N, C-alpha and C. Protein backbone atom coordinates (compact mmCIF):
# COMPACT_ATOMS: atom_id res chain seq x y z
N MET A 1 30.89 14.36 1.21
CA MET A 1 30.77 13.31 2.16
C MET A 1 29.33 12.90 2.09
N SER A 2 29.07 11.64 1.97
CA SER A 2 27.65 11.09 1.82
C SER A 2 27.16 10.61 3.23
N TYR A 3 25.82 10.84 3.49
CA TYR A 3 25.24 10.62 4.68
C TYR A 3 24.42 9.15 4.53
N PHE A 4 24.31 8.79 3.39
CA PHE A 4 23.52 7.49 3.07
C PHE A 4 24.51 6.39 3.04
N THR A 5 24.15 5.28 3.81
CA THR A 5 24.69 4.00 3.57
C THR A 5 24.18 3.23 2.48
N GLN A 6 24.86 2.09 1.90
CA GLN A 6 24.39 1.41 0.87
C GLN A 6 22.99 0.81 1.27
N ASN A 7 22.94 0.41 2.52
CA ASN A 7 21.49 -0.24 2.80
C ASN A 7 20.34 1.02 2.76
N ASP A 8 20.70 2.16 3.07
CA ASP A 8 19.85 3.20 3.01
C ASP A 8 19.34 3.49 1.37
N THR A 9 20.35 3.52 0.58
CA THR A 9 20.11 3.68 -0.86
C THR A 9 19.49 2.33 -1.47
N ASP A 10 19.50 1.13 -0.92
CA ASP A 10 18.81 0.18 -1.34
C ASP A 10 17.40 0.12 -1.16
N LEU A 11 17.14 0.62 0.36
CA LEU A 11 15.77 0.84 0.75
C LEU A 11 15.02 1.84 0.02
N LEU A 12 15.93 3.11 -0.27
CA LEU A 12 15.19 4.04 -1.12
C LEU A 12 14.90 3.39 -2.45
N GLU A 13 15.47 2.59 -3.31
CA GLU A 13 15.37 2.15 -4.45
C GLU A 13 14.20 1.37 -4.31
N VAL A 14 13.95 0.36 -3.23
CA VAL A 14 12.75 -0.41 -3.19
C VAL A 14 11.61 0.45 -2.96
N ALA A 15 11.70 1.60 -2.25
CA ALA A 15 10.36 2.54 -2.03
C ALA A 15 10.04 3.10 -3.26
N ILE A 16 11.14 3.36 -4.02
CA ILE A 16 10.60 4.22 -5.47
C ILE A 16 10.02 3.19 -6.23
N GLU A 17 10.45 1.90 -6.34
CA GLU A 17 10.12 0.89 -7.34
C GLU A 17 8.53 0.67 -6.72
N SER A 18 8.33 0.55 -5.62
CA SER A 18 6.97 0.14 -5.23
C SER A 18 5.91 1.13 -5.48
N ASP A 19 6.36 2.39 -5.94
CA ASP A 19 5.35 3.38 -6.32
C ASP A 19 4.88 3.25 -7.66
N VAL A 20 5.28 2.27 -8.44
CA VAL A 20 4.93 1.97 -9.64
C VAL A 20 3.76 0.98 -9.84
N TYR A 21 2.61 1.32 -10.40
CA TYR A 21 1.59 0.46 -10.64
C TYR A 21 1.29 0.06 -12.03
N ASN A 22 0.65 -0.97 -12.31
CA ASN A 22 0.41 -1.37 -13.47
C ASN A 22 -1.31 -0.98 -13.66
N LEU A 23 -1.62 -0.66 -15.08
CA LEU A 23 -2.94 -0.49 -15.41
C LEU A 23 -3.31 -1.65 -16.34
N VAL A 24 -4.10 -2.59 -15.81
CA VAL A 24 -4.49 -3.80 -16.44
C VAL A 24 -5.64 -3.78 -17.10
N VAL A 25 -5.84 -4.14 -18.43
CA VAL A 25 -7.22 -4.11 -19.04
C VAL A 25 -7.58 -5.74 -19.39
N TYR A 26 -8.68 -5.92 -19.14
CA TYR A 26 -9.20 -7.30 -19.38
C TYR A 26 -10.09 -7.58 -20.46
N ASN A 27 -9.92 -8.75 -21.12
CA ASN A 27 -10.94 -8.95 -22.37
C ASN A 27 -12.16 -9.15 -21.96
N ASP A 28 -13.18 -8.85 -22.97
CA ASP A 28 -14.47 -9.25 -22.82
C ASP A 28 -15.11 -9.50 -24.19
N ASP A 29 -16.29 -9.93 -24.36
CA ASP A 29 -16.98 -10.37 -25.45
C ASP A 29 -17.85 -9.19 -26.07
N ILE A 30 -17.60 -8.09 -25.47
CA ILE A 30 -18.67 -6.93 -25.81
C ILE A 30 -17.85 -5.68 -26.76
N ASN A 31 -16.68 -5.39 -26.31
CA ASN A 31 -16.13 -4.40 -27.05
C ASN A 31 -15.35 -4.78 -28.18
N SER A 32 -15.25 -3.86 -29.23
CA SER A 32 -14.61 -4.51 -30.56
C SER A 32 -13.12 -3.97 -30.44
N PHE A 33 -12.41 -4.71 -31.20
CA PHE A 33 -10.80 -4.62 -31.32
C PHE A 33 -10.79 -2.76 -31.46
N ASP A 34 -11.56 -2.29 -32.47
CA ASP A 34 -11.27 -0.87 -32.90
C ASP A 34 -11.52 -0.01 -31.68
N PHE A 35 -12.57 -0.27 -31.03
CA PHE A 35 -13.00 0.51 -29.83
C PHE A 35 -11.98 0.46 -28.72
N VAL A 36 -11.31 -0.66 -28.34
CA VAL A 36 -10.29 -0.75 -27.41
C VAL A 36 -8.99 0.00 -27.83
N ILE A 37 -8.74 -0.07 -29.14
CA ILE A 37 -7.48 0.44 -29.92
C ILE A 37 -7.75 1.91 -29.62
N GLU A 38 -8.88 2.55 -29.92
CA GLU A 38 -9.23 3.97 -29.86
C GLU A 38 -9.15 4.40 -28.58
N THR A 39 -9.77 3.63 -27.39
CA THR A 39 -9.68 3.96 -25.96
C THR A 39 -8.11 4.12 -25.50
N LEU A 40 -7.33 3.14 -25.91
CA LEU A 40 -6.01 3.14 -25.48
C LEU A 40 -5.14 4.48 -26.02
N ILE A 41 -5.48 4.59 -27.40
CA ILE A 41 -4.82 5.80 -27.90
C ILE A 41 -5.30 7.07 -27.21
N GLU A 42 -6.74 7.24 -26.65
CA GLU A 42 -6.94 8.39 -26.38
C GLU A 42 -6.66 8.57 -24.65
N ILE A 43 -6.88 7.58 -23.99
CA ILE A 43 -6.61 7.69 -22.52
C ILE A 43 -5.35 7.52 -22.30
N CYS A 44 -4.62 6.25 -22.79
CA CYS A 44 -3.34 6.03 -22.33
C CYS A 44 -2.18 6.64 -23.15
N GLU A 45 -2.65 7.34 -24.23
CA GLU A 45 -1.67 8.18 -25.08
C GLU A 45 -0.72 7.15 -25.94
N HIS A 46 -1.41 6.03 -26.06
CA HIS A 46 -0.63 5.03 -26.91
C HIS A 46 -0.48 5.45 -28.34
N THR A 47 0.57 4.99 -29.01
CA THR A 47 0.56 4.97 -30.46
C THR A 47 -0.18 4.07 -31.01
N PRO A 48 -0.92 4.23 -32.28
CA PRO A 48 -1.72 3.13 -32.79
C PRO A 48 -1.00 1.68 -32.61
N LEU A 49 0.07 1.67 -33.09
CA LEU A 49 0.89 0.34 -32.74
C LEU A 49 0.74 -0.25 -31.70
N GLN A 50 1.25 0.65 -30.51
CA GLN A 50 1.19 0.11 -29.19
C GLN A 50 -0.26 -0.27 -28.79
N ALA A 51 -1.22 0.63 -29.18
CA ALA A 51 -2.75 0.16 -28.76
C ALA A 51 -3.00 -1.18 -29.47
N GLU A 52 -2.57 -1.34 -30.80
CA GLU A 52 -2.92 -2.66 -31.44
C GLU A 52 -2.42 -3.69 -30.84
N GLN A 53 -1.18 -3.65 -30.63
CA GLN A 53 -0.43 -4.84 -29.83
C GLN A 53 -1.00 -5.04 -28.57
N CYS A 54 -1.20 -4.18 -27.61
CA CYS A 54 -1.98 -4.34 -26.20
C CYS A 54 -3.44 -4.98 -26.64
N THR A 55 -4.07 -4.65 -27.50
CA THR A 55 -5.52 -5.11 -27.79
C THR A 55 -5.37 -6.61 -28.22
N ILE A 56 -4.25 -7.00 -28.98
CA ILE A 56 -4.13 -8.39 -29.32
C ILE A 56 -3.76 -9.14 -28.09
N LEU A 57 -2.92 -8.72 -27.37
CA LEU A 57 -2.61 -9.45 -25.97
C LEU A 57 -3.60 -9.52 -25.11
N ILE A 58 -4.53 -8.41 -25.00
CA ILE A 58 -5.71 -8.69 -24.26
C ILE A 58 -6.65 -9.64 -24.67
N HIS A 59 -6.72 -9.79 -26.13
CA HIS A 59 -7.74 -10.67 -26.68
C HIS A 59 -7.32 -12.18 -26.33
N TYR A 60 -5.99 -12.36 -26.69
CA TYR A 60 -5.51 -13.77 -26.67
C TYR A 60 -4.88 -14.27 -25.20
N LYS A 61 -4.63 -13.31 -24.45
CA LYS A 61 -4.04 -13.72 -23.08
C LYS A 61 -5.10 -13.39 -21.97
N GLY A 62 -6.07 -12.67 -22.32
CA GLY A 62 -7.19 -12.33 -21.31
C GLY A 62 -6.93 -11.10 -20.64
N LYS A 63 -5.73 -10.62 -20.52
CA LYS A 63 -5.42 -9.26 -20.00
C LYS A 63 -4.20 -8.76 -20.32
N CYS A 64 -3.74 -7.54 -20.22
CA CYS A 64 -2.71 -6.77 -20.45
C CYS A 64 -2.25 -5.69 -19.54
N ALA A 65 -0.99 -5.46 -19.17
CA ALA A 65 -0.64 -4.24 -18.59
C ALA A 65 -0.39 -3.22 -19.51
N VAL A 66 -1.25 -2.41 -19.71
CA VAL A 66 -1.34 -1.46 -20.80
C VAL A 66 -0.54 0.11 -20.46
N ARG A 67 -0.30 0.12 -19.26
CA ARG A 67 0.59 1.42 -18.67
C ARG A 67 1.02 1.21 -17.46
N THR A 68 2.21 1.89 -17.14
CA THR A 68 2.59 1.95 -15.70
C THR A 68 2.72 3.23 -15.26
N GLY A 69 2.74 3.42 -13.91
CA GLY A 69 2.87 4.82 -13.34
C GLY A 69 2.45 4.87 -11.88
N SER A 70 2.28 6.11 -11.38
CA SER A 70 1.76 6.17 -10.12
C SER A 70 0.38 5.96 -9.97
N PHE A 71 -0.10 5.45 -8.61
CA PHE A 71 -1.35 5.07 -8.44
C PHE A 71 -2.35 6.11 -8.72
N ASP A 72 -2.19 7.32 -8.43
CA ASP A 72 -3.12 8.37 -8.74
C ASP A 72 -3.39 8.46 -10.25
N VAL A 73 -2.27 8.35 -11.16
CA VAL A 73 -2.46 8.55 -12.44
C VAL A 73 -3.26 7.36 -13.09
N MET A 74 -2.73 6.09 -12.81
CA MET A 74 -3.40 5.00 -13.12
C MET A 74 -4.68 4.68 -12.72
N ALA A 75 -5.18 5.10 -11.59
CA ALA A 75 -6.65 5.38 -11.09
C ALA A 75 -7.26 6.01 -11.84
N LYS A 76 -6.92 7.17 -12.38
CA LYS A 76 -7.75 8.19 -13.15
C LYS A 76 -7.92 7.53 -14.56
N MET A 77 -6.82 6.85 -15.06
CA MET A 77 -6.90 6.26 -16.41
C MET A 77 -8.02 5.13 -16.47
N ARG A 78 -7.98 4.37 -15.38
CA ARG A 78 -8.85 3.12 -14.96
C ARG A 78 -10.24 3.58 -15.14
N THR A 79 -10.44 4.74 -14.32
CA THR A 79 -11.83 5.27 -14.22
C THR A 79 -12.22 5.68 -15.66
N GLU A 80 -11.60 6.26 -16.39
CA GLU A 80 -12.01 6.67 -17.85
C GLU A 80 -12.25 5.44 -18.64
N ILE A 81 -11.33 4.37 -18.55
CA ILE A 81 -11.54 3.17 -19.42
C ILE A 81 -12.73 2.55 -18.98
N CYS A 82 -13.00 2.26 -17.59
CA CYS A 82 -14.40 1.81 -16.99
C CYS A 82 -15.43 2.61 -17.36
N ASN A 83 -15.40 3.86 -17.51
CA ASN A 83 -16.48 4.54 -18.01
C ASN A 83 -16.91 4.28 -19.37
N ARG A 84 -15.97 3.85 -20.19
CA ARG A 84 -16.11 3.54 -21.64
C ARG A 84 -16.64 2.04 -21.69
N GLY A 85 -16.90 1.08 -20.57
CA GLY A 85 -17.41 -0.10 -20.52
C GLY A 85 -16.39 -1.20 -20.65
N ILE A 86 -15.21 -0.82 -20.45
CA ILE A 86 -14.06 -1.79 -20.61
C ILE A 86 -13.50 -2.06 -19.23
N SER A 87 -13.23 -3.38 -18.88
CA SER A 87 -12.72 -3.75 -17.49
C SER A 87 -11.47 -3.48 -17.42
N ALA A 88 -11.12 -2.67 -16.29
CA ALA A 88 -9.68 -2.52 -16.08
C ALA A 88 -9.43 -2.47 -14.56
N GLU A 89 -8.15 -2.64 -14.04
CA GLU A 89 -7.87 -2.76 -12.72
C GLU A 89 -6.44 -2.02 -12.43
N VAL A 90 -6.08 -1.33 -11.55
CA VAL A 90 -4.75 -0.96 -11.03
C VAL A 90 -4.16 -1.90 -10.08
N GLU A 91 -3.12 -2.58 -10.43
CA GLU A 91 -2.34 -3.57 -9.72
C GLU A 91 -0.96 -2.97 -9.18
């Protein structure tokens, strides 16, 4: 016997989804493609191809959500990226 109604289940799904945050990296005229790629590989655990694709999007679109996850994990990654002189935000 289930104690949850469909409405309870829907609310739980919304709560779970709201716990996902984006780590967004912004374009600048200072850091090289190679440095950004290296940073994404080391900090975000991207493959070289993922890092390269994100870096291209950052360059041409001005920003890219490079990772999603809990706020705490994204905030730690953001701090490490910013410590390397790259602009990033958790959204």
